[in-house]
């Protein structure tokens, strides 16, 4: 059986997937009053405020972040900046079903990158279960009511870049967890997300002479509720949970848990929005759950790699 630290990492990965799964509902709510770029700006504004209040890494943590910023910038460039930018513009040329199916390949991309960069060894059983979860995601989105497939080559490439960005984040976080705590990584990610998307929104509105419109959504209670969920839970909390999990389990094993968010999103759409779920989608959901469980348990042996190396262990004990 996995040791307690690994169990907590699995719990963190599951919790992150559950929160992300419900985030699609709140994105739909926010889109009723604002465009995607402004939503990202407000999302990370709320995330940064919450990070400053509840996840501030302390004076020593800020010093580490400042001195190691050049090492951390590539992480934030991949996620959230590149991931959300590619995803947002990709969805202009691809449907949500197409994007979901492509995004479902993140575990495979992570597996390949982890083998190349981190030298993580993946057994045949784990690889098979990972592919099962990916196939399940494809079936789930293809079987959704009204699923359409009309993406252009450009749209597909943008979504593929988004998926590679997330895979790169998984691998780079696993490596950086040797030197930084999950709290330090989370704070820096949300800080640069706030600065990056905030500046983009300000420049866009200033160029078009619509700066007052940037503040208009703050008068909408539904928008504020959506931003609280997307910013505090779906950005800050999920990034911390993912960083925590990646500091204790392999990137290739952790990434497959992201497939669970598709199951949660589908269930939420059916239960809350009344969306119809076909047989293919149900079979896809079953395949995802089976794939995640199998990938987590396949070849599971107590190893030193389940924990961050000793050089970071003093930090990790504070994050349990």
Protein backbone atom coordinates (compact mmCIF):
# COMPACT_ATOMS: atom_id res chain seq x y z
CA UNK A 1 0.00 0.00 0.00
CA UNK A 2 1.21 3.57 -0.66
CA UNK A 3 2.64 5.39 2.35
CA UNK A 4 0.56 8.18 3.99
CA UNK A 5 2.36 10.91 2.05
CA UNK A 6 1.48 9.29 -1.29
CA UNK A 7 -2.12 8.77 -0.16
CA UNK A 8 -2.38 12.49 0.57
CA UNK A 9 -0.93 13.20 -2.86
CA UNK A 10 -3.61 11.04 -4.51
CA UNK A 11 -6.27 12.79 -2.44
CA UNK A 12 -4.91 16.16 -3.59
CA UNK A 13 -4.95 15.04 -7.24
CA UNK A 14 -8.57 13.84 -6.92
CA UNK A 15 -9.60 17.06 -5.18
CA UNK A 16 -8.04 19.15 -7.93
CA UNK A 17 -9.88 17.16 -10.62
CA UNK A 18 -13.22 17.56 -8.80
CA UNK A 19 -12.84 21.34 -8.52
CA UNK A 20 -11.79 21.71 -12.16
CA UNK A 21 -14.72 19.55 -13.25
CA UNK A 22 -17.23 22.02 -11.78
CA UNK A 23 -15.33 25.05 -13.09
CA UNK A 24 -16.90 24.71 -16.55
CA UNK A 25 -20.29 25.65 -15.07
CA UNK A 26 -18.86 28.86 -13.62
CA UNK A 27 -17.06 29.70 -16.85
CA UNK A 28 -20.43 29.54 -18.62
CA UNK A 29 -21.89 31.90 -16.00
CA UNK A 30 -19.02 34.37 -16.37
CA UNK A 31 -19.23 34.33 -20.18
CA UNK A 32 -22.75 35.74 -19.94
CA UNK A 33 -21.34 39.12 -18.89
CA UNK A 34 -17.69 39.23 -19.96
CA UNK A 35 -15.28 38.09 -22.68
CA UNK A 36 -12.65 35.37 -22.12
CA UNK A 37 -9.61 37.64 -21.70
CA UNK A 38 -11.28 39.80 -19.05
CA UNK A 39 -12.45 36.66 -17.27
CA UNK A 40 -8.85 35.46 -17.08
CA UNK A 41 -7.74 38.85 -15.73
CA UNK A 42 -10.36 38.82 -12.98
CA UNK A 43 -9.83 35.12 -12.31
CA UNK A 44 -6.17 35.65 -11.46
CA UNK A 45 -6.86 38.92 -9.66
CA UNK A 46 -9.08 36.99 -7.24
CA UNK A 47 -6.55 34.14 -7.12
CA UNK A 48 -3.67 36.51 -6.28
CA UNK A 49 -5.65 38.30 -3.57
CA UNK A 50 -6.54 34.94 -2.01
CA UNK A 51 -2.95 33.73 -2.34
CA UNK A 52 -1.71 36.84 -0.55
CA UNK A 53 -4.25 36.35 2.26
CA UNK A 54 -4.13 32.58 2.71
CA UNK A 55 -1.11 31.12 0.89
CA UNK A 56 1.56 33.76 1.39
CA UNK A 57 4.87 31.85 1.54
CA UNK A 58 6.43 34.12 4.17
CA UNK A 59 9.50 36.34 4.08
CA UNK A 60 11.90 33.47 3.43
CA UNK A 61 9.66 32.09 0.70
CA UNK A 62 9.44 35.47 -1.03
CA UNK A 63 13.24 35.74 -0.86
CA UNK A 64 13.57 32.32 -2.50
CA UNK A 65 11.07 33.27 -5.19
CA UNK A 66 12.87 36.54 -5.90
CA UNK A 67 16.32 34.97 -6.18
CA UNK A 68 15.04 32.03 -8.24
CA UNK A 69 12.62 33.91 -10.47
CA UNK A 70 14.48 32.98 -13.66
CA UNK A 71 13.99 29.29 -12.85
CA UNK A 72 10.30 29.79 -12.05
CA UNK A 73 9.30 31.98 -15.01
CA UNK A 74 9.26 29.05 -17.51
CA UNK A 75 6.82 27.22 -15.20
CA UNK A 76 4.41 30.15 -15.15
CA UNK A 77 4.92 30.75 -18.87
CA UNK A 78 3.63 27.20 -19.45
CA UNK A 79 0.84 27.34 -16.86
CA UNK A 80 -1.25 29.39 -16.49
CA UNK A 81 -0.21 31.85 -19.23
CA UNK A 82 0.43 29.61 -22.28
CA UNK A 83 -2.15 27.00 -21.26
CA UNK A 84 -5.05 29.42 -20.91
CA UNK A 85 -3.99 31.61 -23.84
CA UNK A 86 -3.79 28.69 -26.28
CA UNK A 87 -7.00 27.21 -24.89
CA UNK A 88 -8.94 30.49 -25.07
CA UNK A 89 -7.99 31.28 -28.66
CA UNK A 90 -8.22 27.63 -29.69
CA UNK A 91 -11.85 27.54 -28.59
CA UNK A 92 -12.58 30.29 -31.11
CA UNK A 93 -11.86 27.77 -33.88
CA UNK A 94 -12.74 24.45 -32.21
CA UNK A 95 -15.75 23.15 -30.32
CA UNK A 96 -15.63 22.23 -26.62
CA UNK A 97 -15.98 18.56 -27.58
CA UNK A 98 -12.94 18.72 -29.85
CA UNK A 99 -10.95 20.64 -27.26
CA UNK A 100 -11.92 18.16 -24.54
CA UNK A 101 -10.81 15.19 -26.60
CA UNK A 102 -7.45 16.76 -27.43
CA UNK A 103 -6.96 17.90 -23.84
CA UNK A 104 -7.59 14.33 -22.76
CA UNK A 105 -4.25 13.39 -24.31
CA UNK A 106 -2.35 15.37 -21.65
CA UNK A 107 -1.44 12.17 -19.70
CA UNK A 108 0.23 10.73 -22.81
CA UNK A 109 2.13 13.95 -23.49
CA UNK A 110 3.18 14.06 -19.83
CA UNK A 111 4.27 10.43 -19.92
CA UNK A 112 6.52 11.10 -22.92
CA UNK A 113 7.99 14.32 -21.53
CA UNK A 114 8.55 12.76 -18.09
CA UNK A 115 10.47 9.90 -19.70
CA UNK A 116 12.66 12.31 -21.68
CA UNK A 117 13.23 14.99 -19.05
CA UNK A 118 12.85 13.24 -15.69
CA UNK A 119 13.81 9.72 -16.78
CA UNK A 120 10.61 8.39 -15.23
CA UNK A 121 10.06 4.74 -16.05
CA UNK A 122 6.51 3.73 -16.94
CA UNK A 123 5.60 0.07 -16.93
CA UNK A 124 3.37 -1.57 -19.52
CA UNK A 125 0.44 -1.81 -17.11
CA UNK A 126 0.54 1.88 -16.18
CA UNK A 127 0.88 2.85 -19.84
CA UNK A 128 -2.10 0.67 -20.78
CA UNK A 129 -4.31 2.17 -18.08
CA UNK A 130 -3.22 5.68 -19.09
CA UNK A 131 -4.23 5.00 -22.69
CA UNK A 132 -7.54 3.58 -21.42
CA UNK A 133 -8.27 6.85 -19.62
CA UNK A 134 -7.39 8.83 -22.76
CA UNK A 135 -9.72 6.66 -24.85
CA UNK A 136 -12.39 7.18 -22.21
CA UNK A 137 -12.09 10.96 -22.51
CA UNK A 138 -12.49 10.70 -26.29
CA UNK A 139 -15.61 8.55 -25.92
CA UNK A 140 -17.07 10.82 -23.25
CA UNK A 141 -16.79 14.00 -25.31
CA UNK A 142 -17.75 12.32 -28.59
CA UNK A 143 -20.85 10.91 -26.92
CA UNK A 144 -22.07 14.22 -25.48
CA UNK A 145 -25.33 15.64 -26.76
CA UNK A 146 -24.75 18.06 -29.60
CA UNK A 147 -21.06 17.25 -29.92
CA UNK A 148 -19.85 18.80 -33.16
CA UNK A 149 -16.54 18.36 -34.96
CA UNK A 150 -15.75 21.31 -37.20
CA UNK A 151 -12.34 22.48 -36.00
CA UNK A 152 -9.88 24.11 -38.37
CA UNK A 153 -6.25 23.03 -38.46
CA UNK A 154 -5.34 26.22 -36.62
CA UNK A 155 -7.83 25.51 -33.85
CA UNK A 156 -6.56 21.97 -33.43
CA UNK A 157 -2.94 23.17 -33.26
CA UNK A 158 -3.80 25.77 -30.63
CA UNK A 159 -5.54 23.18 -28.43
CA UNK A 160 -2.62 20.76 -28.90
CA UNK A 161 -0.26 23.54 -27.76
CA UNK A 162 -2.49 24.05 -24.74
CA UNK A 163 -2.26 20.34 -23.91
CA UNK A 164 1.52 20.36 -24.31
CA UNK A 165 1.71 23.40 -22.03
CA UNK A 166 -0.08 21.51 -19.28
CA UNK A 167 2.12 18.46 -19.79
CA UNK A 168 5.20 20.67 -19.59
CA UNK A 169 3.87 22.20 -16.37
CA UNK A 170 3.44 18.73 -14.86
CA UNK A 171 7.03 17.76 -15.66
CA UNK A 172 8.63 21.08 -14.70
CA UNK A 173 6.73 21.24 -11.40
CA UNK A 174 7.95 17.74 -10.55
CA UNK A 175 11.53 18.93 -11.08
CA UNK A 176 11.14 22.27 -9.27
CA UNK A 177 9.54 20.56 -6.26
CA UNK A 178 13.07 19.51 -5.32
CA UNK A 179 13.85 23.14 -4.50
CA UNK A 180 10.53 24.88 -3.81
CA UNK A 181 7.54 24.09 -1.62
CA UNK A 182 4.05 23.76 -3.17
CA UNK A 183 3.07 27.03 -1.48
CA UNK A 184 5.99 28.93 -3.05
CA UNK A 185 5.27 27.56 -6.52
CA UNK A 186 1.56 28.29 -6.18
CA UNK A 187 2.09 31.87 -5.06
CA UNK A 188 4.47 32.66 -7.93
CA UNK A 189 2.20 31.05 -10.53
CA UNK A 190 -0.81 33.08 -9.46
CA UNK A 191 1.25 36.27 -9.14
CA UNK A 192 2.47 36.07 -12.74
CA UNK A 193 -0.95 34.94 -13.94
CA UNK A 194 -2.44 38.08 -12.38
CA UNK A 195 0.26 40.35 -13.84
CA UNK A 196 0.22 38.74 -17.29
CA UNK A 197 -3.52 38.56 -17.92
CA UNK A 198 -4.17 41.83 -16.06
CA UNK A 199 -1.79 43.74 -18.32
CA UNK A 200 -3.27 42.13 -21.44
CA UNK A 201 -6.79 43.16 -20.41
CA UNK A 202 -5.69 46.72 -19.57
CA UNK A 203 -3.81 47.15 -22.86
CA UNK A 204 -6.73 45.79 -24.89
CA UNK A 205 -9.29 48.10 -23.26
CA UNK A 206 -6.97 51.11 -23.36
CA UNK A 207 -6.31 50.57 -27.07
CA UNK A 208 -10.04 50.36 -27.82
CA UNK A 209 -11.00 53.20 -25.44
CA UNK A 210 -13.20 50.96 -23.32
CA UNK A 211 -11.45 51.07 -19.93
CA UNK A 212 -14.71 51.78 -18.02
CA UNK A 213 -16.13 48.52 -19.40
CA UNK A 214 -13.41 46.59 -17.60
CA UNK A 215 -15.07 47.45 -14.26
CA UNK A 216 -18.65 46.86 -15.40
CA UNK A 217 -18.83 43.12 -14.49
CA UNK A 218 -18.16 43.91 -10.81
CA UNK A 219 -21.79 45.02 -10.50
CA UNK A 220 -23.00 41.51 -11.37
CA UNK A 221 -23.44 39.19 -8.34
CA UNK A 222 -23.36 36.10 -10.57
CA UNK A 223 -20.06 37.21 -12.11
CA UNK A 224 -18.52 37.81 -8.67
CA UNK A 225 -19.62 34.35 -7.49
CA UNK A 226 -18.17 32.80 -10.63
CA UNK A 227 -14.86 34.65 -10.12
CA UNK A 228 -14.67 33.53 -6.49
CA UNK A 229 -14.97 29.93 -7.62
CA UNK A 230 -12.68 30.23 -10.66
CA UNK A 231 -10.11 32.39 -8.91
CA UNK A 232 -9.95 31.02 -5.38
CA UNK A 233 -10.88 27.38 -5.92
CA UNK A 234 -10.20 26.58 -9.58
CA UNK A 235 -6.96 28.59 -9.83
CA UNK A 236 -5.40 28.96 -6.39
CA UNK A 237 -6.55 25.78 -4.64
CA UNK A 238 -6.16 23.48 -7.63
CA UNK A 239 -2.66 24.79 -8.41
CA UNK A 240 -1.65 24.16 -4.80
CA UNK A 241 -3.15 20.67 -4.81
CA UNK A 242 -1.47 19.83 -8.12
CA UNK A 243 1.88 21.19 -6.94
CA UNK A 244 1.54 19.21 -3.71
CA UNK A 245 0.72 15.99 -5.57
CA UNK A 246 3.58 16.49 -8.03
CA UNK A 247 6.03 16.91 -5.16
CA UNK A 248 5.21 13.37 -4.00
CA UNK A 249 4.23 11.23 -6.98
CA UNK A 250 5.56 10.88 -10.53
CA UNK A 251 4.36 13.36 -13.15
CA UNK A 252 3.24 10.53 -15.45
CA UNK A 253 1.14 8.98 -12.67
CA UNK A 254 -0.32 12.23 -11.40
CA UNK A 255 -1.40 13.62 -14.79
CA UNK A 256 -3.90 10.84 -15.44
CA UNK A 257 -6.03 12.13 -12.53
CA UNK A 258 -6.85 15.17 -14.64
CA UNK A 259 -9.10 12.94 -16.75
CA UNK A 260 -11.50 12.74 -13.82
CA UNK A 261 -12.44 16.38 -14.35
CA UNK A 262 -14.12 15.38 -17.62
CA UNK A 263 -16.30 12.89 -15.73
CA UNK A 264 -17.21 15.51 -13.12
CA UNK A 265 -17.98 18.12 -15.80
CA UNK A 266 -20.21 15.67 -17.66
CA UNK A 267 -22.05 14.66 -14.47
CA UNK A 268 -22.49 18.31 -13.46
CA UNK A 269 -23.89 19.15 -16.88
CA UNK A 270 -26.37 16.28 -16.65
CA UNK A 271 -27.47 16.91 -13.05
CA UNK A 272 -27.48 20.71 -13.00
CA UNK A 273 -27.99 21.79 -16.61
CA UNK A 274 -30.12 18.82 -17.70
CA UNK A 275 -27.76 17.81 -20.52
CA UNK A 276 -28.34 14.38 -22.04
CA UNK A 277 -25.61 11.79 -21.58
CA UNK A 278 -25.44 9.02 -24.19
CA UNK A 279 -24.23 5.46 -23.87
CA UNK A 280 -20.84 6.31 -25.41
CA UNK A 281 -20.32 9.02 -22.81
CA UNK A 282 -21.24 6.64 -19.98
CA UNK A 283 -18.82 4.02 -21.29
CA UNK A 284 -16.18 6.71 -21.59
CA UNK A 285 -16.70 7.74 -17.97
CA UNK A 286 -16.33 4.13 -16.81
CA UNK A 287 -13.13 3.78 -18.86
CA UNK A 288 -11.71 6.98 -17.35
CA UNK A 289 -12.34 5.88 -13.77
CA UNK A 290 -10.91 2.42 -14.47
CA UNK A 291 -7.89 3.94 -16.20
CA UNK A 292 -7.18 6.36 -13.35
CA UNK A 293 -7.44 3.66 -10.68
CA UNK A 294 -5.33 1.27 -12.72
CA UNK A 295 -2.64 3.83 -13.51
CA UNK A 296 -2.42 4.83 -9.85
CA UNK A 297 -2.02 1.26 -8.64
CA UNK A 298 0.00 -0.29 -11.47
CA UNK A 299 3.54 -1.15 -10.45
CA UNK A 300 3.11 0.74 -7.20
CA UNK A 301 6.14 0.12 -4.99
CA UNK A 302 7.49 2.15 -2.08
CA UNK A 303 10.25 4.26 -3.60
CA UNK A 304 12.32 7.25 -2.62
CA UNK A 305 10.90 9.07 -5.65
CA UNK A 306 7.48 9.12 -3.98
CA UNK A 307 8.81 11.97 -1.89
CA UNK A 308 10.71 15.02 -2.95
CA UNK A 309 14.45 14.50 -2.55
CA UNK A 310 16.11 15.21 0.77
CA UNK A 311 17.23 18.65 -0.37
CA UNK A 312 13.59 19.79 -0.22
CA UNK A 313 12.28 17.61 2.56
CA UNK A 314 12.43 20.35 5.23
CA UNK A 315 9.94 22.36 3.16
CA UNK A 316 7.62 19.49 2.35
CA UNK A 317 7.08 18.69 6.01
CA UNK A 318 5.56 22.15 6.42
CA UNK A 319 3.13 21.57 3.56
CA UNK A 320 1.56 18.29 4.73
